[in-house]
Amino acid sequence: MLKLFAGEIAPKTGTYTVIGQNGRVVASVYVKEGSKMPPTQSADCHFEIEE
């Protein structure tokens, strides 16, 4: 599982799962390779995608 934070560059195109501070899925977002990851609702959130 690849873990990214807001502002980092997406290493591949795909649907990233947004994980909240409590470890639960908050949302999902489609990001193209080379694009910056979008802002999240909280600094404690991160994105995950299967490698």
N, C-alpha and C. Protein backbone atom coordinates (compact mmCIF):
# COMPACT_ATOMS: atom_id res chain seq x y z
N MET A 1 0.86 -1.18 0.00
CA MET A 1 0.00 0.00 0.00
C MET A 1 0.90 1.24 0.00
N LEU A 2 0.67 2.12 -0.94
CA LEU A 2 1.43 3.35 -1.06
C LEU A 2 0.69 4.45 -0.31
N LYS A 3 1.39 5.19 0.55
CA LYS A 3 0.79 6.24 1.38
C LYS A 3 1.36 7.59 0.98
N LEU A 4 0.47 8.55 0.65
CA LEU A 4 0.88 9.90 0.25
C LEU A 4 0.12 10.95 1.04
N PHE A 5 0.68 12.15 1.07
CA PHE A 5 0.04 13.27 1.75
C PHE A 5 -0.25 14.39 0.77
N ALA A 6 -1.12 15.32 1.15
CA ALA A 6 -1.48 16.45 0.30
C ALA A 6 -0.23 17.18 -0.16
N GLY A 7 -0.19 17.53 -1.45
CA GLY A 7 0.93 18.26 -2.02
C GLY A 7 2.02 17.39 -2.61
N GLU A 8 2.04 16.10 -2.27
CA GLU A 8 3.03 15.20 -2.86
C GLU A 8 2.63 14.87 -4.29
N ILE A 9 3.58 14.40 -5.07
CA ILE A 9 3.34 14.07 -6.48
C ILE A 9 2.86 12.63 -6.60
N ALA A 10 1.77 12.43 -7.34
CA ALA A 10 1.22 11.10 -7.56
C ALA A 10 2.15 10.28 -8.45
N PRO A 11 2.59 9.11 -7.99
CA PRO A 11 3.50 8.29 -8.78
C PRO A 11 2.81 7.52 -9.90
N LYS A 12 1.49 7.40 -9.82
CA LYS A 12 0.74 6.72 -10.88
C LYS A 12 -0.68 7.23 -10.92
N THR A 13 -1.31 7.05 -12.08
CA THR A 13 -2.70 7.45 -12.27
C THR A 13 -3.60 6.42 -11.61
N GLY A 14 -4.63 6.91 -10.93
CA GLY A 14 -5.59 5.99 -10.33
C GLY A 14 -6.47 6.65 -9.30
N THR A 15 -7.31 5.83 -8.69
CA THR A 15 -8.21 6.30 -7.64
C THR A 15 -7.54 6.07 -6.30
N TYR A 16 -7.31 7.15 -5.59
CA TYR A 16 -6.67 7.11 -4.28
C TYR A 16 -7.74 7.20 -3.20
N THR A 17 -7.59 6.41 -2.17
CA THR A 17 -8.51 6.42 -1.04
C THR A 17 -8.02 7.44 -0.04
N VAL A 18 -8.92 8.28 0.46
CA VAL A 18 -8.58 9.27 1.48
C VAL A 18 -8.87 8.63 2.84
N ILE A 19 -7.84 8.55 3.68
CA ILE A 19 -7.96 7.95 5.00
C ILE A 19 -7.93 9.06 6.04
N GLY A 20 -8.94 9.07 6.93
CA GLY A 20 -9.03 10.09 7.96
C GLY A 20 -8.16 9.79 9.16
N GLN A 21 -8.14 10.70 10.11
CA GLN A 21 -7.29 10.57 11.30
C GLN A 21 -7.63 9.35 12.14
N ASN A 22 -8.85 8.85 12.03
CA ASN A 22 -9.25 7.67 12.80
C ASN A 22 -9.00 6.37 12.04
N GLY A 23 -8.38 6.47 10.85
CA GLY A 23 -8.06 5.29 10.07
C GLY A 23 -9.18 4.80 9.17
N ARG A 24 -10.26 5.52 9.13
CA ARG A 24 -11.40 5.14 8.29
C ARG A 24 -11.35 5.84 6.94
N VAL A 25 -11.98 5.20 5.96
CA VAL A 25 -12.06 5.79 4.62
C VAL A 25 -13.02 6.99 4.66
N VAL A 26 -12.52 8.13 4.21
CA VAL A 26 -13.30 9.36 4.20
C VAL A 26 -13.90 9.60 2.81
N ALA A 27 -13.09 9.32 1.78
CA ALA A 27 -13.51 9.59 0.40
C ALA A 27 -12.53 8.91 -0.54
N SER A 28 -12.71 9.15 -1.83
CA SER A 28 -11.75 8.70 -2.82
C SER A 28 -11.63 9.81 -3.87
N VAL A 29 -10.46 9.83 -4.52
CA VAL A 29 -10.21 10.88 -5.50
C VAL A 29 -9.35 10.30 -6.62
N TYR A 30 -9.66 10.70 -7.85
CA TYR A 30 -8.92 10.24 -9.02
C TYR A 30 -7.82 11.26 -9.31
N VAL A 31 -6.57 10.79 -9.38
CA VAL A 31 -5.43 11.68 -9.62
C VAL A 31 -4.58 11.10 -10.74
N LYS A 32 -4.12 11.96 -11.65
CA LYS A 32 -3.25 11.53 -12.75
C LYS A 32 -1.79 11.55 -12.31
N GLU A 33 -1.02 10.64 -12.88
CA GLU A 33 0.41 10.56 -12.60
C GLU A 33 1.09 11.91 -12.83
N GLY A 34 1.94 12.31 -11.89
CA GLY A 34 2.66 13.57 -12.01
C GLY A 34 1.94 14.77 -11.43
N SER A 35 0.66 14.60 -11.07
CA SER A 35 -0.11 15.69 -10.48
C SER A 35 0.12 15.74 -8.97
N LYS A 36 -0.10 16.92 -8.40
CA LYS A 36 -0.01 17.04 -6.94
C LYS A 36 -1.27 16.47 -6.30
N MET A 37 -1.09 15.82 -5.16
CA MET A 37 -2.24 15.32 -4.42
C MET A 37 -3.01 16.52 -3.89
N PRO A 38 -4.34 16.48 -3.93
CA PRO A 38 -5.14 17.63 -3.51
C PRO A 38 -5.12 17.82 -1.99
N PRO A 39 -5.58 18.98 -1.54
CA PRO A 39 -5.67 19.22 -0.09
C PRO A 39 -6.68 18.27 0.54
N THR A 40 -6.49 17.99 1.82
CA THR A 40 -7.43 17.15 2.57
C THR A 40 -8.15 17.99 3.61
N GLN A 41 -9.19 17.42 4.20
CA GLN A 41 -9.98 18.14 5.19
C GLN A 41 -9.20 18.41 6.47
N SER A 42 -8.21 17.58 6.73
CA SER A 42 -7.43 17.69 7.96
C SER A 42 -5.98 17.33 7.67
N ALA A 43 -5.06 17.90 8.42
CA ALA A 43 -3.64 17.59 8.24
C ALA A 43 -3.34 16.13 8.59
N ASP A 44 -4.22 15.49 9.34
CA ASP A 44 -4.03 14.10 9.74
C ASP A 44 -4.48 13.10 8.68
N CYS A 45 -5.10 13.58 7.61
CA CYS A 45 -5.56 12.70 6.53
C CYS A 45 -4.41 12.38 5.58
N HIS A 46 -4.52 11.23 4.90
CA HIS A 46 -3.54 10.86 3.88
C HIS A 46 -4.24 10.06 2.79
N PHE A 47 -3.52 9.79 1.71
CA PHE A 47 -4.04 9.05 0.57
C PHE A 47 -3.37 7.69 0.50
N GLU A 48 -4.10 6.69 0.07
CA GLU A 48 -3.53 5.35 -0.14
C GLU A 48 -3.99 4.80 -1.47
N ILE A 49 -3.09 4.01 -2.10
CA ILE A 49 -3.41 3.31 -3.34
C ILE A 49 -2.59 2.02 -3.36
N GLU A 50 -3.16 1.00 -3.99
CA GLU A 50 -2.44 -0.27 -4.12
C GLU A 50 -1.25 -0.08 -5.04
N GLU A 51 -0.13 -0.70 -4.71
CA GLU A 51 1.07 -0.59 -5.55
C GLU A 51 1.04 -1.59 -6.67
